[in-house]
Structures are given as C-alpha cells and as structure tokens.
Amino acid sequence: MKSVVAVENRGQGMSRFNLRALALALILCVWVVLSSGCASGWNYPGETAAEGSRRHKRVVRNNFEQMRADIDMVLLLDRPSNLTDKRLP
C-alpha cells in the first residue's frame, strides 16, 4: 500500500518550517543585539585596553553603589537613627 499524504497536511508541514525559521531568525537577532554594544567589551576609538578596563570597573562600582543605596532606602537604613545614648528612666 502506498503512503498518501493529503493536500491539507502538506501546508501544515510548511507552516512548521516557517515557524522554525522565524524562531531561528529571532534567536539570531537577539544574539546579535546582545553581543554588540557596550556590554561586549569593545573599546572606544583611541582608547587603550587599560582605559577600557578602568571604565568598565568604574561603571560596575557605580552600579553597585547605586544598588546598595536603593537597598538601604528600602530597608530604611539611610535615615539617621533617633536612638539616644542616654538612659531613659
């Protein structure tokens, strides 16, 4: 007995192929966007590797300080204490 594929099922196979191609293209685009730009470690024109490294360290340090300030604000640690060193009767 021969295998017969209905005409309706042929279109479904092509739509699966199109969906796979679209997903692959989307993943490729996201990879290209994420691998380019400031996060990739490229230096600016006229910038040495040491200057680029110092710039990246400064950015990371600044981001960490801002994150720590936000955490302190949420935990109410940024306000001065109203406690006294005097003993209350």
C-alpha atoms as a PDB file:
ATOM      1  CA  MET A   1       0.000   0.000   0.000  1.00  0.00           C
ATOM      2  CA  LYS A   2       1.337   3.399  -0.933  1.00  0.00           C
ATOM      3  CA  SER A   3       1.561   6.241   1.528  1.00  0.00           C
ATOM      4  CA  VAL A   4      -0.698   9.061   0.514  1.00  0.00           C
ATOM      5  CA  VAL A   5      -0.423  12.497   2.085  1.00  0.00           C
ATOM      6  CA  ALA A   6      -3.475  14.664   1.934  1.00  0.00           C
ATOM      7  CA  VAL A   7      -3.147  18.124   0.425  1.00  0.00           C
ATOM      8  CA  GLU A   8      -4.277  19.748   3.674  1.00  0.00           C
ATOM      9  CA  ASN A   9      -1.393  18.202   5.630  1.00  0.00           C
ATOM     10  CA  ARG A  10       1.257  19.487   3.232  1.00  0.00           C
ATOM     11  CA  GLY A  11       0.532  23.098   4.174  1.00  0.00           C
ATOM     12  CA  GLN A  12       0.854  22.261   7.842  1.00  0.00           C
ATOM     13  CA  GLY A  13       4.390  20.957   7.293  1.00  0.00           C
ATOM     14  CA  MET A  14       5.357  24.188   5.554  1.00  0.00           C
ATOM     15  CA  SER A  15       3.910  26.280   8.392  1.00  0.00           C
ATOM     16  CA  ARG A  16       6.060  24.307  10.857  1.00  0.00           C
ATOM     17  CA  PHE A  17       9.111  25.044   8.723  1.00  0.00           C
ATOM     18  CA  ASN A  18       8.205  28.738   8.600  1.00  0.00           C
ATOM     19  CA  LEU A  19       7.740  28.803  12.370  1.00  0.00           C
ATOM     20  CA  ARG A  20      11.136  27.162  12.901  1.00  0.00           C
ATOM     21  CA  ALA A  21      12.800  29.609  10.505  1.00  0.00           C
ATOM     22  CA  LEU A  22      11.132  32.531  12.279  1.00  0.00           C
ATOM     23  CA  ALA A  23      12.249  31.268  15.699  1.00  0.00           C
ATOM     24  CA  LEU A  24      15.803  30.779  14.438  1.00  0.00           C
ATOM     25  CA  ALA A  25      15.855  34.270  12.932  1.00  0.00           C
ATOM     26  CA  LEU A  26      14.539  35.755  16.186  1.00  0.00           C
ATOM     27  CA  ILE A  27      17.191  33.979  18.256  1.00  0.00           C
ATOM     28  CA  LEU A  28      19.875  35.126  15.835  1.00  0.00           C
ATOM     29  CA  CYS A  29      18.689  38.751  16.033  1.00  0.00           C
ATOM     30  CA  VAL A  30      18.639  38.694  19.836  1.00  0.00           C
ATOM     31  CA  TRP A  31      22.145  37.200  19.895  1.00  0.00           C
ATOM     32  CA  VAL A  32      23.473  39.895  17.551  1.00  0.00           C
ATOM     33  CA  VAL A  33      21.913  42.699  19.602  1.00  0.00           C
ATOM     34  CA  LEU A  34      23.209  41.331  22.909  1.00  0.00           C
ATOM     35  CA  SER A  35      26.687  40.645  21.609  1.00  0.00           C
ATOM     36  CA  SER A  36      27.210  44.158  20.294  1.00  0.00           C
ATOM     37  CA  GLY A  37      27.413  47.455  22.121  1.00  0.00           C
ATOM     38  CA  CYS A  38      28.902  48.423  25.464  1.00  0.00           C
ATOM     39  CA  ALA A  39      28.433  45.022  27.055  1.00  0.00           C
ATOM     40  CA  SER A  40      30.752  43.279  24.598  1.00  0.00           C
ATOM     41  CA  GLY A  41      33.924  44.847  25.995  1.00  0.00           C
ATOM     42  CA  TRP A  42      34.889  46.789  22.904  1.00  0.00           C
ATOM     43  CA  ASN A  43      36.961  49.892  23.479  1.00  0.00           C
ATOM     44  CA  TYR A  44      36.128  53.305  22.121  1.00  0.00           C
ATOM     45  CA  PRO A  45      38.300  54.627  19.289  1.00  0.00           C
ATOM     46  CA  GLY A  46      41.596  55.910  20.685  1.00  0.00           C
ATOM     47  CA  GLU A  47      41.094  54.102  23.986  1.00  0.00           C
ATOM     48  CA  THR A  48      43.659  51.639  25.249  1.00  0.00           C
ATOM     49  CA  ALA A  49      42.757  48.299  26.818  1.00  0.00           C
ATOM     50  CA  ALA A  50      43.739  49.625  30.277  1.00  0.00           C
ATOM     51  CA  GLU A  51      41.463  52.661  29.897  1.00  0.00           C
ATOM     52  CA  GLY A  52      38.598  50.432  28.781  1.00  0.00           C
ATOM     53  CA  SER A  53      39.155  48.155  31.757  1.00  0.00           C
ATOM     54  CA  ARG A  54      39.175  51.112  34.168  1.00  0.00           C
ATOM     55  CA  ARG A  55      35.984  52.469  32.585  1.00  0.00           C
ATOM     56  CA  HIS A  56      34.229  49.115  32.965  1.00  0.00           C
ATOM     57  CA  LYS A  57      35.362  48.765  36.592  1.00  0.00           C
ATOM     58  CA  ARG A  58      34.117  52.298  37.327  1.00  0.00           C
ATOM     59  CA  VAL A  59      30.719  51.536  35.776  1.00  0.00           C
ATOM     60  CA  VAL A  60      30.365  48.301  37.776  1.00  0.00           C
ATOM     61  CA  ARG A  61      31.416  50.049  41.004  1.00  0.00           C
ATOM     62  CA  ASN A  62      28.955  52.901  40.365  1.00  0.00           C
ATOM     63  CA  ASN A  63      26.109  50.456  39.638  1.00  0.00           C
ATOM     64  CA  PHE A  64      26.882  48.514  42.829  1.00  0.00           C
ATOM     65  CA  GLU A  65      26.869  51.706  44.919  1.00  0.00           C
ATOM     66  CA  GLN A  66      23.509  52.735  43.456  1.00  0.00           C
ATOM     67  CA  MET A  67      22.078  49.270  44.110  1.00  0.00           C
ATOM     68  CA  ARG A  68      23.345  49.379  47.711  1.00  0.00           C
ATOM     69  CA  ALA A  69      21.785  52.836  48.186  1.00  0.00           C
ATOM     70  CA  ASP A  70      18.443  51.521  46.878  1.00  0.00           C
ATOM     71  CA  ILE A  71      18.565  48.528  49.235  1.00  0.00           C
ATOM     72  CA  ASP A  72      19.382  50.819  52.165  1.00  0.00           C
ATOM     73  CA  MET A  73      16.445  53.043  51.241  1.00  0.00           C
ATOM     74  CA  VAL A  74      14.052  50.056  51.113  1.00  0.00           C
ATOM     75  CA  LEU A  75      15.298  48.747  54.467  1.00  0.00           C
ATOM     76  CA  LEU A  76      15.136  52.284  55.958  1.00  0.00           C
ATOM     77  CA  LEU A  77      18.850  52.220  56.767  1.00  0.00           C
ATOM     78  CA  ASP A  78      19.567  55.517  55.028  1.00  0.00           C
ATOM     79  CA  ARG A  79      17.917  57.672  57.706  1.00  0.00           C
ATOM     80  CA  PRO A  80      19.703  58.805  60.844  1.00  0.00           C
ATOM     81  CA  SER A  81      18.762  56.953  63.984  1.00  0.00           C
ATOM     82  CA  ASN A  82      16.573  58.637  66.596  1.00  0.00           C
ATOM     83  CA  LEU A  83      18.059  56.489  69.327  1.00  0.00           C
ATOM     84  CA  THR A  84      19.947  58.176  72.110  1.00  0.00           C
ATOM     85  CA  ASP A  85      22.911  57.075  74.088  1.00  0.00           C
ATOM     86  CA  LYS A  86      21.244  58.449  77.238  1.00  0.00           C
ATOM     87  CA  ARG A  87      19.439  56.099  79.534  1.00  0.00           C
ATOM     88  CA  LEU A  88      15.719  56.738  79.995  1.00  0.00           C
ATOM     89  CA  PRO A  89      14.263  56.243  83.475  1.00  0.00           C
END
